Amino acid sequence: MTKFMIKWGAAAFLGAALLSSCSQGEKADLLVYNANVYTVNGTFEKAQAFAVRDGKILEVGTSESLQQKYDASQKVDAQGKPVYPGLIDAHGHFFGYASNLREADLVGTTSFSDVVQRLQAQRKEFPQAAWLMGRGWDQNDWNVKQFPTKDTLDKLFPDVPVIIERVDGHASLANQKALDLAGVTAQTPSPTGGKIEVKNGKLTGILVDRASDLVYQKVPGATNAELTQVLKEAEQNLFSVGLTTVVDAGLSFEAVQLLDSLQKKGELKMRVYAMLTPSVKNKDHYFKNGPYTTDRLTVRSFKVYGDGALGSRGACLIHPYADRPNETGFLLDEVQNYKDLAAELYQHKFQMNTHAIGDSANRLILQIYGNLLKGKNDLRWRIEHAQVVNPKDLPLFGQYSVLPSVQPTHATSDMYWAGDRLGMDRIKHAYAFKALMQQNNMIPLGSDFPVEHINPLYGFHSAVARQDAKNYPAGGFQMDNALTREEALKGTTIWAAYANFEEKQKGSIEAGKVADFVILDQDIMTIKPDAIRNVKVLSTYLNGEKVYGTK
């Protein structure tokens, strides 16, 4: 054999080995290709493909390059469909939404008679239930826009305690049986931060804000087995609309422990950013042990209630309500208690997230924050809702790096009657998402579900078109505060992650981040606005695992 033949043989062997190596490629668990990928990275780049291993994104690039480079055990041909980072709801109530799945659904009722019919149907379906409960009524959607009274409930359900919660969770209607069990009479003083409605010396059954707690504390709690079942149902509902992380605003110690145990056992997969209630038990435990983080659960914030809701006239306003000149709403606690709690959270390095809807409540909370934060910072304290903000107070968000966490569908739900509450001058400064976003160049978006629908695309549509499901009003509601589509997408992905201190782990499709993503049947970044609410989720992936869909 000549030297030439030996060299040629060696070269051929090496070439074959290299070809074999290239054909095998680097190992990956999943390769998504032929996609229209919105990475939502720092430059808002688009891509065609990405590879996943061990639940994290390996690389993002073109379909051709990644198909050549990676040997994936699972391949997904997206067929040109749009792919986005997993959607994040920056303010919802996962635990509460799940619990409500066993109650009468009163959302969309057009009259109190409609409410009563749904309650009768609920009682017929669950005749042995100790309590008859429901949620979601809104008198502003009825022809008679006054709070209902308990008279009809007393006649129909004299021996069954009934309590039904208004859509915003800030007012309830209870029948006499429920009030008797709670020991509430016409002489019972209204608690701080609440109102027991009495007319002509008699209870109407209406309980506003903290007054509702007098009755709800008498309702038997669900067992862990019952809660587990409804949490699983709720999770599937959320996956079906593309959510992979939810911020649960206001959780008890026991609720957090249950979520953590279910996640660790693999019974729940949804990622949760937990806002704790400022209970003694929560403070004692978490102030001693500090923030708690797992792959799917983050606990490092507290949810505080500043005031009530605009719809029930509990939002605390600087000047009286336009339709109730003698009322300004109210705070849900004493001012000094807010100051003391803020100081505690600052000392123990926990994020403070405060519900503030009225302009007076927003002003107070911004001032309390500012006295502690002093100036620019990275503590990411938040004001939840920030619905009515006086223009003089708007710069304080930027001055103290306070994040306004808003829910776009609140604007398009409230727009029918918010002007009646606020008057024509003040309504101009309400639901000012663009102006709020400009203070810190970001704005996390949520839904406040179950107050609003769980679908984040509804919020996306409301943010950019400022219209409701009926595409009303033509031209949009106060369009000077609409967000661009890029801003709206960031608000429900990377900005929501940032508000949770999680922007390095999620919120965009980039190498090293968790492989949470969603595939839609249409591109919400390019289709006509009136088509956005009809877009369907084809599949939802969490950690590279398909948790919803067939694609």
Protein backbone atom coordinates (compact mmCIF):
# COMPACT_ATOMS: atom_id res chain seq x y z
CA MET A 1 0.00 0.00 0.00
CA THR A 2 1.45 3.37 -0.99
CA LYS A 3 1.84 6.31 1.31
CA PHE A 4 -0.74 8.15 -0.82
CA MET A 5 -3.31 5.41 -0.29
CA ILE A 6 -2.65 5.37 3.44
CA LYS A 7 -3.08 9.14 3.68
CA TRP A 8 -6.20 9.04 1.50
CA GLY A 9 -7.71 6.29 3.65
CA ALA A 10 -7.02 8.18 6.84
CA ALA A 11 -8.53 11.34 5.42
CA ALA A 12 -11.61 9.48 4.25
CA PHE A 13 -12.06 7.89 7.69
CA LEU A 14 -11.71 11.29 9.40
CA GLY A 15 -14.20 12.86 6.99
CA ALA A 16 -16.70 10.09 7.58
CA ALA A 17 -16.30 10.49 11.33
CA LEU A 18 -16.88 14.22 11.08
CA LEU A 19 -19.96 13.71 8.92
CA SER A 20 -21.28 11.16 11.40
CA SER A 21 -20.65 13.57 14.27
CA CYS A 22 -22.42 16.41 12.45
CA SER A 23 -25.40 14.24 11.60
CA GLN A 24 -25.84 13.38 15.26
CA GLY A 25 -25.40 16.99 16.43
CA GLU A 26 -25.62 18.36 19.94
CA LYS A 27 -28.30 16.79 22.06
CA ALA A 28 -31.45 18.77 22.81
CA ASP A 29 -34.78 17.83 24.33
CA LEU A 30 -36.83 20.06 22.07
CA LEU A 31 -36.35 22.03 18.88
CA VAL A 32 -38.98 24.53 17.77
CA TYR A 33 -38.45 25.63 14.16
CA ASN A 34 -40.22 27.23 11.22
CA ALA A 35 -41.68 29.70 13.71
CA ASN A 36 -42.27 33.43 13.88
CA VAL A 37 -40.56 33.96 17.23
CA TYR A 38 -40.95 37.19 19.15
CA THR A 39 -38.00 36.89 21.52
CA VAL A 40 -38.80 40.08 23.49
CA ASN A 41 -35.07 40.41 24.13
CA GLY A 42 -33.31 43.73 24.69
CA THR A 43 -33.66 44.75 21.05
CA PHE A 44 -37.01 43.04 20.45
CA GLU A 45 -35.50 40.77 17.82
CA LYS A 46 -37.37 38.10 15.93
CA ALA A 47 -36.11 34.57 15.21
CA GLN A 48 -37.19 31.37 13.52
CA ALA A 49 -36.16 28.65 15.96
CA PHE A 50 -34.83 27.76 19.39
CA ALA A 51 -33.50 24.67 21.11
CA VAL A 52 -34.31 23.50 24.64
CA ARG A 53 -32.51 21.20 27.08
CA ASP A 54 -33.29 20.46 30.72
CA GLY A 55 -36.14 22.97 30.69
CA LYS A 56 -34.02 25.89 29.53
CA ILE A 57 -33.38 27.55 26.20
CA LEU A 58 -30.04 26.56 24.69
CA GLU A 59 -29.92 28.78 21.65
CA VAL A 60 -32.09 31.00 19.50
CA GLY A 61 -31.53 31.41 15.76
CA THR A 62 -32.61 30.39 12.29
CA SER A 63 -34.39 27.16 11.48
CA GLU A 64 -31.60 26.05 9.14
CA SER A 65 -28.73 26.65 11.56
CA LEU A 66 -30.38 25.05 14.59
CA GLN A 67 -31.68 22.05 12.68
CA GLN A 68 -28.13 21.39 11.51
CA LYS A 69 -26.64 21.92 14.95
CA TYR A 70 -29.03 20.06 17.26
CA ASP A 71 -30.27 16.50 17.44
CA ALA A 72 -33.52 16.95 19.36
CA SER A 73 -35.58 14.12 20.79
CA GLN A 74 -38.71 16.18 20.08
CA LYS A 75 -39.19 18.57 17.20
CA VAL A 76 -42.04 21.03 16.73
CA ASP A 77 -42.69 22.46 13.30
CA ALA A 78 -44.55 25.67 14.13
CA GLN A 79 -45.63 26.02 10.49
CA GLY A 80 -44.95 29.74 10.53
CA LYS A 81 -47.17 30.42 13.54
CA PRO A 82 -46.25 33.17 16.03
CA VAL A 83 -44.41 32.15 19.20
CA TYR A 84 -44.11 34.40 22.26
CA PRO A 85 -42.58 34.07 25.71
CA GLY A 86 -44.92 32.46 28.25
CA LEU A 87 -47.45 35.07 29.28
CA ILE A 88 -47.35 36.45 32.81
CA ASP A 89 -50.31 37.92 34.68
CA ALA A 90 -48.77 40.58 36.91
CA HIS A 91 -51.79 40.74 39.22
CA GLY A 92 -54.38 38.03 39.65
CA HIS A 93 -55.90 35.79 42.28
CA PHE A 94 -55.11 32.20 41.35
CA PHE A 95 -56.16 30.76 44.70
CA GLY A 96 -59.33 32.84 44.81
CA TYR A 97 -60.22 32.04 41.21
CA ALA A 98 -59.85 28.34 41.94
CA SER A 99 -61.99 28.59 45.07
CA ASN A 100 -64.72 30.38 43.10
CA LEU A 101 -65.07 27.49 40.66
CA ARG A 102 -67.51 25.89 43.11
CA GLU A 103 -69.60 29.05 43.52
CA ALA A 104 -72.37 30.54 41.39
CA ASP A 105 -70.93 32.50 38.48
CA LEU A 106 -72.68 35.88 38.49
CA VAL A 107 -70.45 37.58 35.91
CA GLY A 108 -72.45 39.13 33.09
CA THR A 109 -75.77 39.18 34.89
CA THR A 110 -78.04 41.85 33.45
CA SER A 111 -80.33 42.32 36.45
CA PHE A 112 -80.77 41.24 40.05
CA SER A 113 -83.46 38.83 38.83
CA ASP A 114 -80.78 37.22 36.68
CA VAL A 115 -78.59 36.89 39.79
CA VAL A 116 -81.43 35.24 41.70
CA GLN A 117 -82.06 32.73 38.89
CA ARG A 118 -78.41 31.69 38.87
CA LEU A 119 -78.43 31.29 42.65
CA GLN A 120 -81.53 29.09 42.44
CA ALA A 121 -79.82 26.95 39.80
CA GLN A 122 -76.72 26.67 42.00
CA ARG A 123 -78.79 25.58 44.97
CA LYS A 124 -80.58 22.99 42.87
CA GLU A 125 -77.25 21.56 41.70
CA PHE A 126 -75.70 21.54 45.20
CA PRO A 127 -78.63 21.18 47.61
CA GLN A 128 -76.52 19.90 50.50
CA ALA A 129 -74.02 22.79 50.53
CA ALA A 130 -73.92 24.52 53.90
CA TRP A 131 -73.70 27.96 52.29
CA LEU A 132 -74.95 29.40 49.00
CA MET A 133 -72.25 31.64 47.54
CA GLY A 134 -71.54 33.45 44.30
CA ARG A 135 -69.35 36.11 42.79
CA GLY A 136 -69.30 38.55 39.90
CA TRP A 137 -72.44 40.73 40.00
CA ASP A 138 -72.11 44.37 39.02
CA GLN A 139 -75.06 46.71 39.49
CA ASN A 140 -73.51 49.09 36.97
CA ASP A 141 -74.40 46.54 34.25
CA TRP A 142 -78.09 46.57 35.21
CA ASN A 143 -80.88 48.94 34.20
CA VAL A 144 -81.36 49.72 37.87
CA LYS A 145 -77.84 50.75 38.87
CA GLN A 146 -78.39 50.71 42.61
CA PHE A 147 -77.04 48.21 45.11
CA PRO A 148 -79.56 45.34 45.55
CA THR A 149 -81.05 44.49 48.93
CA LYS A 150 -81.41 41.18 50.73
CA ASP A 151 -85.24 41.02 50.72
CA THR A 152 -85.60 38.54 47.85
CA LEU A 153 -82.80 36.34 49.21
CA ASP A 154 -84.51 36.30 52.62
CA LYS A 155 -87.75 35.04 51.08
CA LEU A 156 -86.20 32.41 48.81
CA PHE A 157 -83.50 31.14 51.19
CA PRO A 158 -84.71 31.76 54.75
CA ASP A 159 -82.79 28.81 56.21
CA VAL A 160 -79.64 28.88 54.05
CA PRO A 161 -76.91 31.48 54.61
CA VAL A 162 -76.24 33.35 51.36
CA ILE A 163 -73.45 35.76 50.51
CA ILE A 164 -72.59 36.95 47.02
CA GLU A 165 -69.57 39.06 46.18
CA ARG A 166 -69.49 41.99 43.80
CA VAL A 167 -67.26 41.63 40.73
CA ASP A 168 -64.46 43.75 42.22
CA GLY A 169 -64.43 41.84 45.51
CA HIS A 170 -65.03 45.05 47.46
CA ALA A 171 -68.70 44.67 48.32
CA SER A 172 -71.05 41.78 49.12
CA LEU A 173 -74.73 41.11 49.62
CA ALA A 174 -75.70 38.79 52.48
CA ASN A 175 -79.13 37.46 53.46
CA GLN A 176 -80.53 37.62 56.97
CA LYS A 177 -79.51 34.04 57.81
CA ALA A 178 -75.86 34.84 57.02
CA LEU A 179 -76.01 38.12 58.95
CA ASP A 180 -77.53 36.32 61.97
CA LEU A 181 -74.75 33.73 61.94
CA ALA A 182 -72.21 36.57 61.91
CA GLY A 183 -74.02 38.47 64.66
CA VAL A 184 -74.42 41.55 62.47
CA THR A 185 -77.33 43.83 63.36
CA ALA A 186 -78.39 47.34 62.41
CA GLN A 187 -76.61 48.51 65.56
CA THR A 188 -73.28 46.83 64.72
CA PRO A 189 -70.66 49.55 64.13
CA SER A 190 -68.96 49.49 60.75
CA PRO A 191 -65.37 48.29 61.04
CA THR A 192 -62.44 50.47 60.04
CA GLY A 193 -62.14 50.30 56.28
CA GLY A 194 -65.67 49.00 55.78
CA LYS A 195 -69.34 49.88 55.79
CA ILE A 196 -72.44 48.05 56.97
CA GLU A 197 -75.26 49.60 54.97
CA VAL A 198 -78.33 50.53 57.01
CA LYS A 199 -81.40 52.30 55.62
CA ASN A 200 -84.41 53.34 57.65
CA GLY A 201 -82.93 51.55 60.63
CA LYS A 202 -82.71 48.19 58.84
CA LEU A 203 -79.89 46.19 57.30
CA THR A 204 -79.95 46.14 53.51
CA GLY A 205 -77.53 43.22 53.36
CA ILE A 206 -74.84 45.27 51.61
CA LEU A 207 -71.40 45.01 53.20
CA VAL A 208 -68.61 47.12 51.73
CA ASP A 209 -64.93 46.12 51.95
CA ARG A 210 -63.87 45.04 55.46
CA ALA A 211 -67.48 44.71 56.61
CA SER A 212 -67.78 41.65 54.37
CA ASP A 213 -65.19 39.89 56.52
CA LEU A 214 -67.69 39.74 59.39
CA VAL A 215 -69.70 37.21 57.40
CA TYR A 216 -66.96 35.47 55.43
CA GLN A 217 -65.14 34.48 58.61
CA LYS A 218 -68.16 32.28 59.41
CA VAL A 219 -67.97 30.36 56.11
CA PRO A 220 -66.46 26.87 56.60
CA GLY A 221 -63.10 26.52 54.90
CA ALA A 222 -62.52 24.00 52.11
CA THR A 223 -60.35 20.95 52.80
CA ASN A 224 -56.92 20.62 51.20
CA ALA A 225 -58.28 17.83 49.01
CA GLU A 226 -61.07 20.12 47.76
CA LEU A 227 -58.64 22.97 47.20
CA THR A 228 -56.23 20.70 45.33
CA GLN A 229 -58.95 19.63 42.94
CA VAL A 230 -60.06 23.17 42.07
CA LEU A 231 -56.47 24.44 41.83
CA LYS A 232 -55.77 21.79 39.19
CA GLU A 233 -58.88 22.82 37.27
CA ALA A 234 -57.91 26.47 37.52
CA GLU A 235 -54.38 25.74 36.33
CA GLN A 236 -55.65 24.08 33.16
CA ASN A 237 -57.88 27.05 32.46
CA LEU A 238 -54.90 29.38 32.80
CA PHE A 239 -52.66 27.23 30.60
CA SER A 240 -55.37 27.25 27.94
CA VAL A 241 -55.05 31.03 27.58
CA GLY A 242 -51.24 31.01 27.46
CA LEU A 243 -50.36 31.90 31.05
CA THR A 244 -47.25 30.28 32.51
CA THR A 245 -46.74 32.55 35.55
CA VAL A 246 -49.36 34.21 37.71
CA VAL A 247 -48.92 36.73 40.48
CA ASP A 248 -51.28 35.74 43.29
CA ALA A 249 -52.10 38.91 45.20
CA GLY A 250 -52.83 38.31 48.88
CA LEU A 251 -52.12 34.79 50.12
CA SER A 252 -52.34 33.33 53.60
CA PHE A 253 -49.51 31.30 55.11
CA GLU A 254 -51.54 28.11 54.63
CA ALA A 255 -52.27 28.86 50.97
CA VAL A 256 -48.58 29.35 50.19
CA GLN A 257 -47.67 26.12 51.96
CA LEU A 258 -50.29 24.20 49.97
CA LEU A 259 -49.12 25.64 46.64
CA ASP A 260 -45.51 24.81 47.49
CA SER A 261 -46.30 21.23 48.48
CA LEU A 262 -48.39 20.61 45.36
CA GLN A 263 -45.68 22.04 43.11
CA LYS A 264 -43.00 19.90 44.75
CA LYS A 265 -45.12 16.78 44.29
CA GLY A 266 -45.67 17.64 40.65
CA GLU A 267 -49.40 18.02 41.10
CA LEU A 268 -49.27 21.71 40.15
CA LYS A 269 -46.99 23.11 37.46
CA MET A 270 -48.03 26.76 37.20
CA ARG A 271 -45.36 29.21 38.33
CA VAL A 272 -46.59 31.53 41.08
CA TYR A 273 -45.23 34.82 42.40
CA ALA A 274 -46.89 35.07 45.79
CA MET A 275 -47.87 38.32 47.47
CA LEU A 276 -48.45 37.59 51.14
CA THR A 277 -51.19 39.07 53.28
CA PRO A 278 -49.58 41.10 56.08
CA SER A 279 -50.89 38.73 58.77
CA VAL A 280 -49.02 38.17 62.01
CA LYS A 281 -48.32 34.57 60.98
CA ASN A 282 -46.87 35.57 57.61
CA LYS A 283 -44.75 38.33 59.08
CA ASP A 284 -43.44 36.18 61.91
CA HIS A 285 -42.40 33.38 59.55
CA TYR A 286 -41.02 35.32 56.60
CA PHE A 287 -39.35 38.11 58.53
CA LYS A 288 -37.48 35.40 60.43
CA ASN A 289 -36.65 33.19 57.44
CA GLY A 290 -36.46 35.72 54.60
CA PRO A 291 -37.72 35.40 51.00
CA TYR A 292 -38.42 31.91 49.68
CA THR A 293 -37.74 30.77 46.11
CA THR A 294 -38.07 27.52 44.21
CA ASP A 295 -38.19 26.80 40.48
CA ARG A 296 -41.93 27.53 40.44
CA LEU A 297 -42.63 29.65 43.51
CA THR A 298 -41.30 33.03 44.62
CA VAL A 299 -42.26 34.56 47.97
CA ARG A 300 -40.71 37.98 48.59
CA SER A 301 -43.57 40.49 48.66
CA PHE A 302 -46.59 41.57 50.68
CA LYS A 303 -49.96 42.73 49.33
CA VAL A 304 -51.47 45.68 51.18
CA TYR A 305 -54.92 47.21 50.68
CA GLY A 306 -54.96 50.99 50.62
CA ASP A 307 -58.58 51.67 49.70
CA GLY A 308 -61.62 50.06 48.13
CA ALA A 309 -62.98 50.07 44.58
CA LEU A 310 -64.42 52.80 42.40
CA GLY A 311 -67.51 50.80 41.47
CA SER A 312 -68.62 50.47 45.11
CA ARG A 313 -67.47 54.03 45.92
CA GLY A 314 -64.85 52.73 48.31
CA ALA A 315 -61.91 54.21 46.36
CA CYS A 316 -60.45 57.04 48.43
CA LEU A 317 -60.65 60.33 46.52
CA ILE A 318 -59.18 63.76 47.19
CA HIS A 319 -62.49 65.42 46.28
CA PRO A 320 -66.01 63.95 46.63
CA TYR A 321 -67.58 61.60 44.14
CA ALA A 322 -69.33 63.46 41.33
CA ASP A 323 -72.45 61.34 41.86
CA ARG A 324 -72.27 61.35 45.69
CA PRO A 325 -71.13 64.86 46.76
CA ASN A 326 -71.03 63.84 50.43
CA GLU A 327 -68.74 60.83 49.96
CA THR A 328 -65.01 60.55 49.25
CA GLY A 329 -64.52 56.83 49.87
CA PHE A 330 -62.16 55.61 52.58
CA LEU A 331 -58.86 54.01 53.44
CA LEU A 332 -58.98 50.43 54.67
CA ASP A 333 -56.64 51.09 57.60
CA GLU A 334 -55.21 53.86 59.72
CA VAL A 335 -52.50 55.99 58.09
CA GLN A 336 -49.99 55.19 60.84
CA ASN A 337 -50.47 51.46 60.25
CA TYR A 338 -49.46 51.89 56.61
CA LYS A 339 -46.36 53.79 57.68
CA ASP A 340 -45.44 51.17 60.26
CA LEU A 341 -45.92 48.28 57.83
CA ALA A 342 -43.88 50.01 55.13
CA ALA A 343 -41.03 50.50 57.61
CA GLU A 344 -41.19 46.82 58.59
CA LEU A 345 -41.09 45.62 54.98
CA TYR A 346 -38.25 48.00 54.16
CA GLN A 347 -36.26 46.78 57.15
CA HIS A 348 -36.75 43.11 56.28
CA LYS A 349 -36.14 43.65 52.54
CA PHE A 350 -39.57 42.60 51.29
CA GLN A 351 -41.33 44.20 48.36
CA MET A 352 -44.41 46.25 49.25
CA ASN A 353 -47.28 46.09 46.74
CA THR A 354 -50.22 48.29 47.67
CA HIS A 355 -53.71 48.35 46.20
CA ALA A 356 -54.51 52.02 45.56
CA ILE A 357 -57.32 53.09 43.25
CA GLY A 358 -58.41 56.59 44.27
CA ASP A 359 -56.20 59.65 43.83
CA SER A 360 -56.07 60.26 47.58
CA ALA A 361 -54.97 56.68 48.28
CA ASN A 362 -52.33 56.86 45.53
CA ARG A 363 -51.01 60.15 46.90
CA LEU A 364 -50.73 58.80 50.43
CA ILE A 365 -49.02 55.55 49.45
CA LEU A 366 -46.58 57.34 47.13
CA GLN A 367 -45.66 59.71 49.98
CA ILE A 368 -45.17 56.84 52.44
CA TYR A 369 -43.02 55.00 49.90
CA GLY A 370 -41.01 58.13 49.15
CA ASN A 371 -40.19 58.78 52.80
CA LEU A 372 -38.47 55.38 52.91
CA LEU A 373 -37.13 54.96 49.39
CA LYS A 374 -35.76 58.54 49.20
CA GLY A 375 -34.96 58.42 45.47
CA LYS A 376 -34.08 56.02 42.65
CA ASN A 377 -33.68 52.42 43.83
CA ASP A 378 -34.04 48.79 42.80
CA LEU A 379 -36.52 47.66 45.44
CA ARG A 380 -39.35 47.58 42.87
CA TRP A 381 -42.11 48.54 45.26
CA ARG A 382 -45.40 48.60 43.42
CA ILE A 383 -48.78 50.27 43.42
CA GLU A 384 -51.44 47.86 42.26
CA HIS A 385 -54.15 49.33 39.98
CA ALA A 386 -53.17 53.04 40.18
CA GLN A 387 -56.48 53.84 38.51
CA VAL A 388 -56.90 57.50 39.45
CA VAL A 389 -53.71 59.49 39.92
CA ASN A 390 -53.59 63.26 40.31
CA PRO A 391 -51.24 64.75 37.66
CA LYS A 392 -49.18 66.40 40.42
CA ASP A 393 -48.42 62.97 41.88
CA LEU A 394 -47.59 61.20 38.62
CA PRO A 395 -43.82 62.07 38.67
CA LEU A 396 -43.45 60.40 42.08
CA PHE A 397 -43.60 56.98 40.39
CA GLY A 398 -40.40 57.79 38.53
CA GLN A 399 -38.80 59.76 41.34
CA TYR A 400 -38.98 56.78 43.72
CA SER A 401 -38.81 53.96 41.11
CA VAL A 402 -42.32 52.82 42.06
CA LEU A 403 -43.86 50.43 39.53
CA PRO A 404 -47.51 50.97 38.58
CA SER A 405 -49.05 47.51 38.10
CA VAL A 406 -52.22 47.97 36.06
CA GLN A 407 -55.01 45.92 34.53
CA PRO A 408 -56.02 47.23 31.08
CA THR A 409 -59.46 45.59 31.07
CA HIS A 410 -60.41 47.61 34.15
CA ALA A 411 -60.40 50.70 31.93
CA THR A 412 -62.67 49.19 29.31
CA SER A 413 -64.99 47.65 31.92
CA ASP A 414 -65.27 50.83 33.98
CA MET A 415 -65.46 53.37 31.13
CA TYR A 416 -69.27 53.15 30.95
CA TRP A 417 -69.74 54.59 34.45
CA ALA A 418 -66.35 55.82 35.72
CA GLY A 419 -67.09 59.32 34.40
CA ASP A 420 -70.23 59.44 36.57
CA ARG A 421 -68.13 58.65 39.64
CA LEU A 422 -65.25 61.00 38.84
CA GLY A 423 -66.67 63.82 36.71
CA MET A 424 -65.40 64.94 33.34
CA ASP A 425 -62.21 66.65 34.59
CA ARG A 426 -60.99 63.85 36.85
CA ILE A 427 -61.75 61.01 34.41
CA LYS A 428 -59.07 62.43 32.12
CA HIS A 429 -56.44 61.41 34.67
CA ALA A 430 -57.81 57.90 35.21
CA TYR A 431 -56.48 54.67 33.66
CA ALA A 432 -53.50 56.66 32.35
CA PHE A 433 -51.40 53.67 31.31
CA LYS A 434 -49.13 55.48 28.85
CA ALA A 435 -48.38 58.31 31.26
CA LEU A 436 -47.70 55.79 34.03
CA MET A 437 -45.48 53.70 31.76
CA GLN A 438 -43.37 56.71 30.89
CA GLN A 439 -42.38 57.30 34.53
CA ASN A 440 -40.09 54.24 34.64
CA ASN A 441 -40.20 53.24 30.96
CA MET A 442 -42.11 50.08 31.82
CA ILE A 443 -45.48 48.95 33.10
CA PRO A 444 -46.37 45.40 34.22
CA LEU A 445 -49.82 44.28 33.07
CA GLY A 446 -52.30 41.91 34.65
CA SER A 447 -56.01 41.17 34.74
CA ASP A 448 -57.01 41.01 38.43
CA PHE A 449 -58.84 37.78 37.62
CA PRO A 450 -61.46 36.71 38.64
CA VAL A 451 -62.50 40.37 38.73
CA GLU A 452 -61.80 40.34 34.99
CA HIS A 453 -61.44 37.43 32.56
CA ILE A 454 -58.35 35.23 32.83
CA ASN A 455 -57.43 35.66 29.14
CA PRO A 456 -54.36 37.96 28.87
CA LEU A 457 -55.16 38.67 25.21
CA TYR A 458 -58.23 40.58 26.37
CA GLY A 459 -55.93 42.83 28.37
CA PHE A 460 -53.57 43.14 25.39
CA HIS A 461 -56.49 44.31 23.24
CA SER A 462 -57.73 46.76 25.87
CA ALA A 463 -54.23 48.18 26.29
CA VAL A 464 -53.64 48.90 22.60
CA ALA A 465 -57.16 49.59 21.28
CA ARG A 466 -58.75 50.88 24.52
CA GLN A 467 -61.90 49.01 23.52
CA ASP A 468 -63.96 46.25 25.13
CA ALA A 469 -65.17 42.95 23.70
CA LYS A 470 -67.77 44.81 21.64
CA ASN A 471 -64.98 46.95 20.12
CA TYR A 472 -66.58 49.92 21.86
CA PRO A 473 -66.06 52.83 21.68
CA ALA A 474 -65.19 53.53 18.06
CA GLY A 475 -61.75 55.09 18.08
CA GLY A 476 -61.00 53.91 21.62
CA PHE A 477 -61.39 55.29 25.14
CA GLN A 478 -58.91 58.09 25.93
CA MET A 479 -56.48 56.89 23.27
CA ASP A 480 -53.71 59.21 24.39
CA ASN A 481 -53.06 56.59 27.08
CA ALA A 482 -53.05 53.56 24.80
CA LEU A 483 -49.94 51.39 24.70
CA THR A 484 -48.18 50.23 21.55
CA ARG A 485 -48.30 46.51 20.78
CA GLU A 486 -44.64 46.16 21.68
CA GLU A 487 -45.27 47.83 25.05
CA ALA A 488 -48.32 45.66 25.69
CA LEU A 489 -46.39 42.47 24.90
CA LYS A 490 -43.52 43.54 27.15
CA GLY A 491 -46.04 44.39 29.85
CA THR A 492 -47.26 40.80 29.98
CA THR A 493 -43.81 39.21 29.58
CA ILE A 494 -40.47 40.86 30.40
CA TRP A 495 -41.82 43.85 32.35
CA ALA A 496 -44.06 41.60 34.41
CA ALA A 497 -41.03 39.39 35.08
CA TYR A 498 -39.01 42.45 36.12
CA ALA A 499 -41.72 43.50 38.58
CA ASN A 500 -41.26 40.04 40.15
CA PHE A 501 -37.43 40.21 40.22
CA GLU A 502 -37.49 37.37 37.68
CA GLU A 503 -36.34 39.02 34.46
CA LYS A 504 -33.14 36.94 34.41
CA GLN A 505 -35.10 33.69 34.53
CA LYS A 506 -38.14 34.37 32.31
CA GLY A 507 -40.03 36.92 30.27
CA SER A 508 -38.18 36.50 26.99
CA ILE A 509 -36.99 33.73 24.67
CA GLU A 510 -33.23 33.89 25.24
CA ALA A 511 -30.47 31.39 25.95
CA GLY A 512 -30.31 30.45 29.63
CA LYS A 513 -33.90 31.31 30.45
CA VAL A 514 -36.66 28.84 31.24
CA ALA A 515 -38.40 27.43 28.17
CA ASP A 516 -41.81 28.93 28.83
CA PHE A 517 -43.55 29.89 25.59
CA VAL A 518 -46.88 29.96 23.81
CA ILE A 519 -47.89 29.33 20.19
CA LEU A 520 -50.91 31.27 18.88
CA ASP A 521 -52.94 30.74 15.74
CA GLN A 522 -52.61 34.40 14.68
CA ASP A 523 -50.04 37.14 15.20
CA ILE A 524 -51.35 39.63 17.75
CA MET A 525 -48.61 42.05 16.69
CA THR A 526 -49.95 42.48 13.17
CA ILE A 527 -53.63 41.50 12.90
CA LYS A 528 -56.42 44.05 13.11
CA PRO A 529 -57.20 45.09 16.68
CA ASP A 530 -60.79 43.86 16.51
CA ALA A 531 -59.52 40.32 15.82
CA ILE A 532 -57.20 40.07 18.85
CA ARG A 533 -59.77 38.70 21.31
CA ASN A 534 -60.57 35.86 18.93
CA VAL A 535 -56.98 34.60 18.75
CA LYS A 536 -56.60 31.05 20.03
CA VAL A 537 -53.76 29.42 21.94
CA LEU A 538 -52.53 26.40 20.01
CA SER A 539 -50.16 25.21 22.72
CA THR A 540 -48.53 26.33 25.93
CA TYR A 541 -45.12 25.08 27.11
CA LEU A 542 -43.62 25.37 30.57
CA ASN A 543 -40.00 24.28 31.11
CA GLY A 544 -40.10 22.89 27.59
CA GLU A 545 -43.01 20.61 28.51
CA LYS A 546 -46.31 20.95 26.71
CA VAL A 547 -48.94 21.69 29.33
CA TYR A 548 -51.74 22.62 26.96
CA GLY A 549 -52.66 22.00 23.33
CA THR A 550 -52.15 19.46 20.60
CA LYS A 551 -49.73 21.22 18.27
